[in-house]
């Protein structure tokens, strides 16, 4: 995913002139990323739910196995949150770029 995002970021940097095809391609990439974000959000929520259930279970039963599972899921949760914020921040920057492209294409009065 990081390579995919980096490749599109390079594409955006190398744009010489914004036209309709470039704008539509960029919107298509945003659509792909929105789907990716949704899937990651669902998995993040489910992982959080399982983590909290195992943490509560470990607290109630004082079971070492559940404590270990809760620890592993907690670490996984931290990495997953980091990845989700990475996706979120890049898509937000792509929204701003799309707004800029739209302004250049349709709202500039200098053309």
PDB file of N, CA and C in Angstrom:
ATOM      1  N   UNK A   1       0.823  -1.189   0.000  1.00  0.00           N
ATOM      2  CA  UNK A   1       0.000   0.000   0.000  1.00  0.00           C
ATOM      3  C   UNK A   1       0.871   1.257   0.000  1.00  0.00           C
ATOM      4  N   UNK A   2       1.938   1.219   0.777  1.00  0.00           N
ATOM      5  CA  UNK A   2       2.815   2.395   0.820  1.00  0.00           C
ATOM      6  C   UNK A   2       3.446   2.662  -0.540  1.00  0.00           C
ATOM      7  N   UNK A   3       3.818   1.613  -1.254  1.00  0.00           N
ATOM      8  CA  UNK A   3       4.395   1.779  -2.590  1.00  0.00           C
ATOM      9  C   UNK A   3       3.360   2.352  -3.552  1.00  0.00           C
ATOM     10  N   UNK A   4       2.128   1.899  -3.428  1.00  0.00           N
ATOM     11  CA  UNK A   4       1.041   2.400  -4.272  1.00  0.00           C
ATOM     12  C   UNK A   4       0.832   3.899  -4.045  1.00  0.00           C
ATOM     13  N   UNK A   5       0.811   4.289  -2.787  1.00  0.00           N
ATOM     14  CA  UNK A   5       0.628   5.699  -2.450  1.00  0.00           C
ATOM     15  C   UNK A   5       1.816   6.516  -2.937  1.00  0.00           C
ATOM     16  N   UNK A   6       3.011   5.996  -2.722  1.00  0.00           N
ATOM     17  CA  UNK A   6       4.216   6.713  -3.157  1.00  0.00           C
ATOM     18  C   UNK A   6       4.228   6.895  -4.675  1.00  0.00           C
ATOM     19  N   UNK A   7       3.818   5.865  -5.408  1.00  0.00           N
ATOM     20  CA  UNK A   7       3.772   5.941  -6.866  1.00  0.00           C
ATOM     21  C   UNK A   7       2.803   7.029  -7.328  1.00  0.00           C
ATOM     22  N   UNK A   8       1.656   7.110  -6.681  1.00  0.00           N
ATOM     23  CA  UNK A   8       0.695   8.146  -7.080  1.00  0.00           C
ATOM     24  C   UNK A   8       1.184   9.534  -6.656  1.00  0.00           C
ATOM     25  N   UNK A   9       1.840   9.623  -5.530  1.00  0.00           N
ATOM     26  CA  UNK A   9       2.403  10.912  -5.092  1.00  0.00           C
ATOM     27  C   UNK A   9       3.434  11.400  -6.106  1.00  0.00           C
ATOM     28  N   UNK A  10       4.262  10.491  -6.618  1.00  0.00           N
ATOM     29  CA  UNK A  10       5.248  10.858  -7.646  1.00  0.00           C
ATOM     30  C   UNK A  10       4.544  11.314  -8.915  1.00  0.00           C
ATOM     31  N   UNK A  11       3.478  10.611  -9.267  1.00  0.00           N
ATOM     32  CA  UNK A  11       2.689  11.006 -10.435  1.00  0.00           C
ATOM     33  C   UNK A  11       2.158  12.429 -10.259  1.00  0.00           C
ATOM     34  N   UNK A  12       1.651  12.736  -9.078  1.00  0.00           N
ATOM     35  CA  UNK A  12       1.111  14.067  -8.826  1.00  0.00           C
ATOM     36  C   UNK A  12       2.194  15.145  -8.895  1.00  0.00           C
ATOM     37  N   UNK A  13       3.391  14.821  -8.437  1.00  0.00           N
ATOM     38  CA  UNK A  13       4.488  15.795  -8.476  1.00  0.00           C
ATOM     39  C   UNK A  13       4.932  16.100  -9.906  1.00  0.00           C
ATOM     40  N   UNK A  14       4.815  15.100 -10.788  1.00  0.00           N
ATOM     41  CA  UNK A  14       5.317  15.244 -12.159  1.00  0.00           C
ATOM     42  C   UNK A  14       4.281  15.755 -13.148  1.00  0.00           C
ATOM     43  N   UNK A  15       3.127  16.149 -12.678  1.00  0.00           N
ATOM     44  CA  UNK A  15       2.097  16.672 -13.573  1.00  0.00           C
ATOM     45  C   UNK A  15       2.528  18.043 -14.084  1.00  0.00           C
ATOM     46  N   UNK A  16       2.576  18.175 -15.388  1.00  0.00           N
ATOM     47  CA  UNK A  16       2.943  19.450 -15.997  1.00  0.00           C
ATOM     48  C   UNK A  16       1.717  20.327 -16.160  1.00  0.00           C
ATOM     49  N   UNK A  17       0.663  19.737 -16.687  1.00  0.00           N
ATOM     50  CA  UNK A  17      -0.567  20.485 -16.925  1.00  0.00           C
ATOM     51  C   UNK A  17      -1.758  19.651 -16.475  1.00  0.00           C
ATOM     52  N   UNK A  18      -2.643  20.274 -15.740  1.00  0.00           N
ATOM     53  CA  UNK A  18      -3.851  19.595 -15.278  1.00  0.00           C
ATOM     54  C   UNK A  18      -4.879  19.635 -16.402  1.00  0.00           C
ATOM     55  N   UNK A  19      -5.370  18.450 -16.777  1.00  0.00           N
ATOM     56  CA  UNK A  19      -6.449  18.375 -17.755  1.00  0.00           C
ATOM     57  C   UNK A  19      -7.524  17.430 -17.227  1.00  0.00           C
ATOM     58  N   UNK A  20      -8.538  17.234 -18.006  1.00  0.00           N
ATOM     59  CA  UNK A  20      -9.674  16.410 -17.580  1.00  0.00           C
ATOM     60  C   UNK A  20      -9.252  14.973 -17.278  1.00  0.00           C
ATOM     61  N   UNK A  21      -8.386  14.399 -18.111  1.00  0.00           N
ATOM     62  CA  UNK A  21      -7.956  13.011 -17.917  1.00  0.00           C
ATOM     63  C   UNK A  21      -7.165  12.858 -16.616  1.00  0.00           C
ATOM     64  N   UNK A  22      -6.287  13.797 -16.335  1.00  0.00           N
ATOM     65  CA  UNK A  22      -5.498  13.751 -15.100  1.00  0.00           C
ATOM     66  C   UNK A  22      -6.421  13.872 -13.894  1.00  0.00           C
ATOM     67  N   UNK A  23      -7.367  14.794 -13.988  1.00  0.00           N
ATOM     68  CA  UNK A  23      -8.314  14.998 -12.889  1.00  0.00           C
ATOM     69  C   UNK A  23      -9.139  13.731 -12.640  1.00  0.00           C
ATOM     70  N   UNK A  24      -9.659  13.118 -13.694  1.00  0.00           N
ATOM     71  CA  UNK A  24     -10.456  11.896 -13.541  1.00  0.00           C
ATOM     72  C   UNK A  24      -9.614  10.746 -12.998  1.00  0.00           C
ATOM     73  N   UNK A  25      -8.370  10.631 -13.455  1.00  0.00           N
ATOM     74  CA  UNK A  25      -7.487   9.584 -12.945  1.00  0.00           C
ATOM     75  C   UNK A  25      -7.249   9.771 -11.449  1.00  0.00           C
ATOM     76  N   UNK A  26      -7.017  11.001 -11.045  1.00  0.00           N
ATOM     77  CA  UNK A  26      -6.793  11.284  -9.627  1.00  0.00           C
ATOM     78  C   UNK A  26      -8.034  10.950  -8.795  1.00  0.00           C
ATOM     79  N   UNK A  27      -9.200  11.288  -9.293  1.00  0.00           N
ATOM     80  CA  UNK A  27     -10.441  10.944  -8.583  1.00  0.00           C
ATOM     81  C   UNK A  27     -10.624   9.431  -8.481  1.00  0.00           C
ATOM     82  N   UNK A  28     -10.206   8.715  -9.525  1.00  0.00           N
ATOM     83  CA  UNK A  28     -10.285   7.256  -9.486  1.00  0.00           C
ATOM     84  C   UNK A  28      -9.355   6.699  -8.405  1.00  0.00           C
ATOM     85  N   UNK A  29      -8.179   7.255  -8.271  1.00  0.00           N
ATOM     86  CA  UNK A  29      -7.249   6.812  -7.231  1.00  0.00           C
ATOM     87  C   UNK A  29      -7.819   7.104  -5.837  1.00  0.00           C
ATOM     88  N   UNK A  30      -8.492   8.224  -5.699  1.00  0.00           N
ATOM     89  CA  UNK A  30      -9.142   8.549  -4.429  1.00  0.00           C
ATOM     90  C   UNK A  30     -10.232   7.523  -4.121  1.00  0.00           C
ATOM     91  N   UNK A  31     -11.002   7.148  -5.135  1.00  0.00           N
ATOM     92  CA  UNK A  31     -12.038   6.120  -4.931  1.00  0.00           C
ATOM     93  C   UNK A  31     -11.429   4.799  -4.453  1.00  0.00           C
ATOM     94  N   UNK A  32     -10.323   4.402  -5.059  1.00  0.00           N
ATOM     95  CA  UNK A  32      -9.652   3.175  -4.625  1.00  0.00           C
ATOM     96  C   UNK A  32      -9.223   3.281  -3.170  1.00  0.00           C
ATOM     97  N   UNK A  33      -8.670   4.414  -2.812  1.00  0.00           N
ATOM     98  CA  UNK A  33      -8.185   4.599  -1.446  1.00  0.00           C
ATOM     99  C   UNK A  33      -9.340   4.681  -0.442  1.00  0.00           C
ATOM    100  N   UNK A  34     -10.463   5.238  -0.847  1.00  0.00           N
ATOM    101  CA  UNK A  34     -11.618   5.284   0.049  1.00  0.00           C
ATOM    102  C   UNK A  34     -12.085   3.870   0.375  1.00  0.00           C
ATOM    103  N   UNK A  35     -12.076   2.999  -0.614  1.00  0.00           N
ATOM    104  CA  UNK A  35     -12.450   1.609  -0.378  1.00  0.00           C
ATOM    105  C   UNK A  35     -11.450   0.951   0.572  1.00  0.00           C
ATOM    106  N   UNK A  36     -10.182   1.193   0.345  1.00  0.00           N
ATOM    107  CA  UNK A  36      -9.135   0.650   1.207  1.00  0.00           C
ATOM    108  C   UNK A  36      -9.298   1.143   2.643  1.00  0.00           C
ATOM    109  N   UNK A  37      -9.587   2.426   2.793  1.00  0.00           N
ATOM    110  CA  UNK A  37      -9.795   2.999   4.128  1.00  0.00           C
ATOM    111  C   UNK A  37     -10.977   2.348   4.829  1.00  0.00           C
ATOM    112  N   UNK A  38     -12.058   2.121   4.095  1.00  0.00           N
ATOM    113  CA  UNK A  38     -13.242   1.500   4.689  1.00  0.00           C
ATOM    114  C   UNK A  38     -12.922   0.098   5.196  1.00  0.00           C
ATOM    115  N   UNK A  39     -12.235  -0.687   4.381  1.00  0.00           N
ATOM    116  CA  UNK A  39     -11.869  -2.041   4.797  1.00  0.00           C
ATOM    117  C   UNK A  39     -10.973  -1.991   6.031  1.00  0.00           C
ATOM    118  N   UNK A  40      -9.997  -1.090   6.020  1.00  0.00           N
ATOM    119  CA  UNK A  40      -9.092  -0.986   7.163  1.00  0.00           C
ATOM    120  C   UNK A  40      -9.817  -0.490   8.413  1.00  0.00           C
ATOM    121  N   UNK A  41     -10.784   0.371   8.240  1.00  0.00           N
ATOM    122  CA  UNK A  41     -11.557   0.837   9.395  1.00  0.00           C
ATOM    123  C   UNK A  41     -12.361  -0.302  10.010  1.00  0.00           C
ATOM    124  N   UNK A  42     -12.971  -1.116   9.169  1.00  0.00           N
ATOM    125  CA  UNK A  42     -13.739  -2.258   9.665  1.00  0.00           C
ATOM    126  C   UNK A  42     -12.826  -3.232  10.418  1.00  0.00           C
ATOM    127  N   UNK A  43     -11.685  -3.543   9.825  1.00  0.00           N
ATOM    128  CA  UNK A  43     -10.742  -4.460  10.477  1.00  0.00           C
ATOM    129  C   UNK A  43     -10.207  -3.849  11.765  1.00  0.00           C
ATOM    130  N   UNK A  44      -9.939  -2.552  11.751  1.00  0.00           N
ATOM    131  CA  UNK A  44      -9.461  -1.868  12.956  1.00  0.00           C
ATOM    132  C   UNK A  44     -10.493  -1.954  14.075  1.00  0.00           C
ATOM    133  N   UNK A  45     -11.750  -1.732  13.753  1.00  0.00           N
ATOM    134  CA  UNK A  45     -12.807  -1.810  14.768  1.00  0.00           C
ATOM    135  C   UNK A  45     -12.944  -3.226  15.321  1.00  0.00           C
ATOM    136  N   UNK A  46     -12.887  -4.225  14.459  1.00  0.00           N
ATOM    137  CA  UNK A  46     -12.991  -5.607  14.920  1.00  0.00           C
ATOM    138  C   UNK A  46     -11.782  -6.007  15.767  1.00  0.00           C
ATOM    139  N   UNK A  47     -10.600  -5.569  15.352  1.00  0.00           N
ATOM    140  CA  UNK A  47      -9.400  -5.851  16.127  1.00  0.00           C
ATOM    141  C   UNK A  47      -9.487  -5.182  17.500  1.00  0.00           C
ATOM    142  N   UNK A  48      -9.979  -3.966  17.531  1.00  0.00           N
ATOM    143  CA  UNK A  48     -10.144  -3.259  18.800  1.00  0.00           C
ATOM    144  C   UNK A  48     -11.129  -3.987  19.703  1.00  0.00           C
ATOM    145  N   UNK A  49     -12.221  -4.456  19.132  1.00  0.00           N
ATOM    146  CA  UNK A  49     -13.227  -5.179  19.905  1.00  0.00           C
ATOM    147  C   UNK A  49     -12.643  -6.457  20.515  1.00  0.00           C
ATOM    148  N   UNK A  50     -11.923  -7.225  19.706  1.00  0.00           N
ATOM    149  CA  UNK A  50     -11.317  -8.461  20.209  1.00  0.00           C
ATOM    150  C   UNK A  50     -10.251  -8.138  21.254  1.00  0.00           C
ATOM    151  N   UNK A  51      -9.475  -7.084  21.019  1.00  0.00           N
ATOM    152  CA  UNK A  51      -8.467  -6.677  21.995  1.00  0.00           C
ATOM    153  C   UNK A  51      -9.108  -6.319  23.332  1.00  0.00           C
ATOM    154  N   UNK A  52     -10.163  -5.523  23.292  1.00  0.00           N
ATOM    155  CA  UNK A  52     -10.820  -5.122  24.539  1.00  0.00           C
ATOM    156  C   UNK A  52     -11.469  -6.309  25.245  1.00  0.00           C
ATOM    157  N   UNK A  53     -12.065  -7.214  24.482  1.00  0.00           N
ATOM    158  CA  UNK A  53     -12.668  -8.395  25.098  1.00  0.00           C
ATOM    159  C   UNK A  53     -11.605  -9.267  25.759  1.00  0.00           C
ATOM    160  N   UNK A  54     -10.463  -9.442  25.100  1.00  0.00           N
ATOM    161  CA  UNK A  54      -9.407 -10.254  25.700  1.00  0.00           C
ATOM    162  C   UNK A  54      -8.797  -9.552  26.909  1.00  0.00           C
ATOM    163  N   UNK A  55      -8.711  -8.223  26.865  1.00  0.00           N
ATOM    164  CA  UNK A  55      -8.179  -7.467  28.002  1.00  0.00           C
ATOM    165  C   UNK A  55      -9.113  -7.579  29.204  1.00  0.00           C
ATOM    166  N   UNK A  56     -10.403  -7.444  28.965  1.00  0.00           N
ATOM    167  CA  UNK A  56     -11.382  -7.577  30.050  1.00  0.00           C
ATOM    168  C   UNK A  56     -11.384  -9.004  30.591  1.00  0.00           C
ATOM    169  N   UNK A  57     -11.330  -9.982  29.676  1.00  0.00           N
ATOM    170  CA  UNK A  57     -11.285 -11.381  30.104  1.00  0.00           C
ATOM    171  C   UNK A  57     -10.043 -11.679  30.922  1.00  0.00           C
ATOM    172  N   UNK A  58      -8.901 -11.136  30.510  1.00  0.00           N
ATOM    173  CA  UNK A  58      -7.659 -11.349  31.261  1.00  0.00           C
ATOM    174  C   UNK A  58      -7.732 -10.693  32.630  1.00  0.00           C
ATOM    175  N   UNK A  59      -8.372  -9.531  32.706  1.00  0.00           N
ATOM    176  CA  UNK A  59      -8.508  -8.824  33.985  1.00  0.00           C
ATOM    177  C   UNK A  59      -9.430  -9.585  34.938  1.00  0.00           C
ATOM    178  N   UNK A  60     -10.521 -10.114  34.400  1.00  0.00           N
ATOM    179  CA  UNK A  60     -11.493 -10.820  35.244  1.00  0.00           C
ATOM    180  C   UNK A  60     -10.946 -12.171  35.706  1.00  0.00           C
ATOM    181  N   UNK A  61     -10.366 -12.925  34.782  1.00  0.00           N
ATOM    182  CA  UNK A  61      -9.950 -14.292  35.121  1.00  0.00           C
ATOM    183  C   UNK A  61      -8.496 -14.398  35.577  1.00  0.00           C
ATOM    184  N   UNK A  62      -7.715 -13.374  35.357  1.00  0.00           N
ATOM    185  CA  UNK A  62      -6.272 -13.388  35.654  1.00  0.00           C
ATOM    186  C   UNK A  62      -5.580 -14.565  34.979  1.00  0.00           C
ATOM    187  N   UNK A  63      -6.040 -14.879  33.769  1.00  0.00           N
ATOM    188  CA  UNK A  63      -5.496 -15.970  32.974  1.00  0.00           C
ATOM    189  C   UNK A  63      -4.267 -15.450  32.211  1.00  0.00           C
ATOM    190  N   UNK A  64      -3.146 -16.122  32.370  1.00  0.00           N
ATOM    191  CA  UNK A  64      -1.900 -15.696  31.727  1.00  0.00           C
ATOM    192  C   UNK A  64      -2.013 -15.783  30.200  1.00  0.00           C
ATOM    193  N   UNK A  65      -2.691 -16.809  29.711  1.00  0.00           N
ATOM    194  CA  UNK A  65      -2.881 -16.953  28.268  1.00  0.00           C
ATOM    195  C   UNK A  65      -3.646 -15.782  27.677  1.00  0.00           C
ATOM    196  N   UNK A  66      -4.714 -15.371  28.357  1.00  0.00           N
ATOM    197  CA  UNK A  66      -5.484 -14.216  27.882  1.00  0.00           C
ATOM    198  C   UNK A  66      -4.681 -12.921  27.989  1.00  0.00           C
ATOM    199  N   UNK A  67      -3.855 -12.837  29.015  1.00  0.00           N
ATOM    200  CA  UNK A  67      -3.003 -11.650  29.142  1.00  0.00           C
ATOM    201  C   UNK A  67      -2.013 -11.570  27.982  1.00  0.00           C
ATOM    202  N   UNK A  68      -1.468 -12.704  27.591  1.00  0.00           N
ATOM    203  CA  UNK A  68      -0.540 -12.740  26.469  1.00  0.00           C
ATOM    204  C   UNK A  68      -1.247 -12.387  25.167  1.00  0.00           C
ATOM    205  N   UNK A  69      -2.438 -12.922  24.970  1.00  0.00           N
ATOM    206  CA  UNK A  69      -3.236 -12.593  23.782  1.00  0.00           C
ATOM    207  C   UNK A  69      -3.557 -11.100  23.764  1.00  0.00           C
ATOM    208  N   UNK A  70      -3.935 -10.551  24.909  1.00  0.00           N
ATOM    209  CA  UNK A  70      -4.239  -9.122  24.988  1.00  0.00           C
ATOM    210  C   UNK A  70      -3.004  -8.283  24.669  1.00  0.00           C
ATOM    211  N   UNK A  71      -1.846  -8.712  25.131  1.00  0.00           N
ATOM    212  CA  UNK A  71      -0.609  -7.991  24.850  1.00  0.00           C
ATOM    213  C   UNK A  71      -0.296  -7.989  23.351  1.00  0.00           C
ATOM    214  N   UNK A  72      -0.397  -9.161  22.737  1.00  0.00           N
ATOM    215  CA  UNK A  72      -0.124  -9.273  21.299  1.00  0.00           C
ATOM    216  C   UNK A  72      -1.125  -8.438  20.500  1.00  0.00           C
ATOM    217  N   UNK A  73      -2.401  -8.524  20.859  1.00  0.00           N
ATOM    218  CA  UNK A  73      -3.415  -7.734  20.153  1.00  0.00           C
ATOM    219  C   UNK A  73      -3.226  -6.241  20.383  1.00  0.00           C
ATOM    220  N   UNK A  74      -2.771  -5.858  21.563  1.00  0.00           N
ATOM    221  CA  UNK A  74      -2.494  -4.442  21.835  1.00  0.00           C
ATOM    222  C   UNK A  74      -1.379  -3.911  20.960  1.00  0.00           C
ATOM    223  N   UNK A  75      -0.340  -4.698  20.788  1.00  0.00           N
ATOM    224  CA  UNK A  75       0.763  -4.292  19.908  1.00  0.00           C
ATOM    225  C   UNK A  75       0.286  -4.223  18.460  1.00  0.00           C
ATOM    226  N   UNK A  76      -0.473  -5.233  18.045  1.00  0.00           N
ATOM    227  CA  UNK A  76      -1.042  -5.223  16.693  1.00  0.00           C
ATOM    228  C   UNK A  76      -1.915  -3.993  16.490  1.00  0.00           C
ATOM    229  N   UNK A  77      -2.686  -3.661  17.496  1.00  0.00           N
ATOM    230  CA  UNK A  77      -3.584  -2.501  17.433  1.00  0.00           C
ATOM    231  C   UNK A  77      -2.799  -1.207  17.193  1.00  0.00           C
ATOM    232  N   UNK A  78      -1.690  -1.056  17.885  1.00  0.00           N
ATOM    233  CA  UNK A  78      -0.872   0.154  17.713  1.00  0.00           C
ATOM    234  C   UNK A  78      -0.354   0.287  16.280  1.00  0.00           C
ATOM    235  N   UNK A  79       0.134  -0.810  15.721  1.00  0.00           N
ATOM    236  CA  UNK A  79       0.615  -0.772  14.339  1.00  0.00           C
ATOM    237  C   UNK A  79      -0.528  -0.526  13.353  1.00  0.00           C
ATOM    238  N   UNK A  80      -1.683  -1.093  13.637  1.00  0.00           N
ATOM    239  CA  UNK A  80      -2.825  -0.919  12.742  1.00  0.00           C
ATOM    240  C   UNK A  80      -3.328   0.528  12.772  1.00  0.00           C
ATOM    241  N   UNK A  81      -3.339   1.107  13.948  1.00  0.00           N
ATOM    242  CA  UNK A  81      -3.750   2.510  14.059  1.00  0.00           C
ATOM    243  C   UNK A  81      -2.775   3.399  13.299  1.00  0.00           C
ATOM    244  N   UNK A  82      -1.489   3.114  13.427  1.00  0.00           N
ATOM    245  CA  UNK A  82      -0.467   3.880  12.700  1.00  0.00           C
ATOM    246  C   UNK A  82      -0.704   3.784  11.188  1.00  0.00           C
ATOM    247  N   UNK A  83      -0.972   2.580  10.698  1.00  0.00           N
ATOM    248  CA  UNK A  83      -1.211   2.388   9.268  1.00  0.00           C
ATOM    249  C   UNK A  83      -2.494   3.099   8.823  1.00  0.00           C
ATOM    250  N   UNK A  84      -3.528   3.023   9.636  1.00  0.00           N
ATOM    251  CA  UNK A  84      -4.788   3.670   9.272  1.00  0.00           C
ATOM    252  C   UNK A  84      -4.615   5.187   9.187  1.00  0.00           C
ATOM    253  N   UNK A  85      -3.886   5.773  10.122  1.00  0.00           N
ATOM    254  CA  UNK A  85      -3.650   7.210  10.063  1.00  0.00           C
ATOM    255  C   UNK A  85      -2.799   7.583   8.863  1.00  0.00           C
ATOM    256  N   UNK A  86      -1.868   6.713   8.481  1.00  0.00           N
ATOM    257  CA  UNK A  86      -1.087   6.936   7.266  1.00  0.00           C
ATOM    258  C   UNK A  86      -2.018   7.032   6.060  1.00  0.00           C
ATOM    259  N   UNK A  87      -2.933   6.066   5.941  1.00  0.00           N
ATOM    260  CA  UNK A  87      -3.902   6.094   4.835  1.00  0.00           C
ATOM    261  C   UNK A  87      -4.760   7.354   4.893  1.00  0.00           C
ATOM    262  N   UNK A  88      -5.269   7.643   6.050  1.00  0.00           N
ATOM    263  CA  UNK A  88      -6.175   8.782   6.230  1.00  0.00           C
ATOM    264  C   UNK A  88      -5.499  10.098   5.855  1.00  0.00           C
ATOM    265  N   UNK A  89      -4.283  10.302   6.321  1.00  0.00           N
ATOM    266  CA  UNK A  89      -3.592  11.557   6.043  1.00  0.00           C
ATOM    267  C   UNK A  89      -3.288  11.728   4.559  1.00  0.00           C
ATOM    268  N   UNK A  90      -2.928  10.652   3.877  1.00  0.00           N
ATOM    269  CA  UNK A  90      -2.641  10.776   2.457  1.00  0.00           C
ATOM    270  C   UNK A  90      -3.907  11.027   1.640  1.00  0.00           C
ATOM    271  N   UNK A  91      -4.979  10.372   2.011  1.00  0.00           N
ATOM    272  CA  UNK A  91      -6.230  10.611   1.279  1.00  0.00           C
ATOM    273  C   UNK A  91      -6.705  12.043   1.495  1.00  0.00           C
ATOM    274  N   UNK A  92      -6.535  12.561   2.696  1.00  0.00           N
ATOM    275  CA  UNK A  92      -6.909  13.959   2.951  1.00  0.00           C
ATOM    276  C   UNK A  92      -6.085  14.912   2.082  1.00  0.00           C
ATOM    277  N   UNK A  93      -4.797  14.627   1.935  1.00  0.00           N
ATOM    278  CA  UNK A  93      -3.973  15.485   1.076  1.00  0.00           C
ATOM    279  C   UNK A  93      -4.382  15.337  -0.386  1.00  0.00           C
ATOM    280  N   UNK A  94      -4.827  14.135  -0.774  1.00  0.00           N
ATOM    281  CA  UNK A  94      -5.307  13.941  -2.144  1.00  0.00           C
ATOM    282  C   UNK A  94      -6.610  14.699  -2.382  1.00  0.00           C
ATOM    283  N   UNK A  95      -7.448  14.823  -1.359  1.00  0.00           N
ATOM    284  CA  UNK A  95      -8.662  15.635  -1.487  1.00  0.00           C
ATOM    285  C   UNK A  95      -8.292  17.080  -1.790  1.00  0.00           C
ATOM    286  N   UNK A  96      -7.314  17.600  -1.079  1.00  0.00           N
ATOM    287  CA  UNK A  96      -6.893  18.979  -1.309  1.00  0.00           C
ATOM    288  C   UNK A  96      -6.341  19.155  -2.715  1.00  0.00           C
ATOM    289  N   UNK A  97      -5.582  18.170  -3.189  1.00  0.00           N
ATOM    290  CA  UNK A  97      -5.055  18.223  -4.551  1.00  0.00           C
ATOM    291  C   UNK A  97      -6.191  18.168  -5.566  1.00  0.00           C
ATOM    292  N   UNK A  98      -7.202  17.352  -5.313  1.00  0.00           N
ATOM    293  CA  UNK A  98      -8.351  17.271  -6.218  1.00  0.00           C
ATOM    294  C   UNK A  98      -9.097  18.604  -6.247  1.00  0.00           C
ATOM    295  N   UNK A  99      -9.244  19.247  -5.102  1.00  0.00           N
ATOM    296  CA  UNK A  99      -9.881  20.566  -5.067  1.00  0.00           C
ATOM    297  C   UNK A  99      -9.083  21.577  -5.871  1.00  0.00           C
ATOM    298  N   UNK A 100      -7.774  21.512  -5.745  1.00  0.00           N
ATOM    299  CA  UNK A 100      -6.908  22.412  -6.506  1.00  0.00           C
ATOM    300  C   UNK A 100      -7.040  22.151  -8.006  1.00  0.00           C
ATOM    301  N   UNK A 101      -7.077  20.892  -8.391  1.00  0.00           N
ATOM    302  CA  UNK A 101      -7.250  20.544  -9.808  1.00  0.00           C
ATOM    303  C   UNK A 101      -8.589  21.042 -10.332  1.00  0.00           C
ATOM    304  N   UNK A 102      -9.632  20.847  -9.529  1.00  0.00           N
ATOM    305  CA  UNK A 102     -10.961  21.297  -9.930  1.00  0.00           C
ATOM    306  C   UNK A 102     -10.978  22.807 -10.144  1.00  0.00           C
ATOM    307  N   UNK A 103     -10.354  23.516  -9.238  1.00  0.00           N
ATOM    308  CA  UNK A 103     -10.291  24.972  -9.356  1.00  0.00           C
ATOM    309  C   UNK A 103      -9.551  25.378 -10.627  1.00  0.00           C
ATOM    310  N   UNK A 104      -8.438  24.710 -10.902  1.00  0.00           N
ATOM    311  CA  UNK A 104      -7.663  25.030 -12.104  1.00  0.00           C
ATOM    312  C   UNK A 104      -8.455  24.733 -13.369  1.00  0.00           C
ATOM    313  N   UNK A 105      -9.204  23.646 -13.362  1.00  0.00           N
ATOM    314  CA  UNK A 105      -9.924  23.245 -14.571  1.00  0.00           C
ATOM    315  C   UNK A 105     -11.195  24.044 -14.821  1.00  0.00           C
ATOM    316  N   UNK A 106     -11.961  24.296 -13.761  1.00  0.00           N
ATOM    317  CA  UNK A 106     -13.311  24.801 -13.961  1.00  0.00           C
ATOM    318  C   UNK A 106     -13.577  26.189 -13.401  1.00  0.00           C
ATOM    319  N   UNK A 107     -12.785  26.641 -12.472  1.00  0.00           N
ATOM    320  CA  UNK A 107     -13.107  27.899 -11.820  1.00  0.00           C
ATOM    321  C   UNK A 107     -12.140  29.031 -12.142  1.00  0.00           C
ATOM    322  N   UNK A 108     -11.011  28.716 -12.757  1.00  0.00           N
ATOM    323  CA  UNK A 108     -10.086  29.784 -13.123  1.00  0.00           C
ATOM    324  C   UNK A 108     -10.729  30.682 -14.172  1.00  0.00           C
ATOM    325  N   UNK A 109     -10.758  31.944 -13.885  1.00  0.00           N
ATOM    326  CA  UNK A 109     -11.360  32.906 -14.817  1.00  0.00           C
ATOM    327  C   UNK A 109     -10.341  33.440 -15.809  1.00  0.00           C
ATOM    328  N   UNK A 110      -9.067  33.070 -15.647  1.00  0.00           N
ATOM    329  CA  UNK A 110      -8.009  33.560 -16.539  1.00  0.00           C
ATOM    330  C   UNK A 110      -8.022  32.844 -17.874  1.00  0.00           C
ATOM    331  N   UNK A 111      -8.704  31.725 -17.979  1.00  0.00           N
ATOM    332  CA  UNK A 111      -8.695  30.950 -19.229  1.00  0.00           C
ATOM    333  C   UNK A 111      -9.631  31.535 -20.247  1.00  0.00           C
TER     334      UNK A 111
END
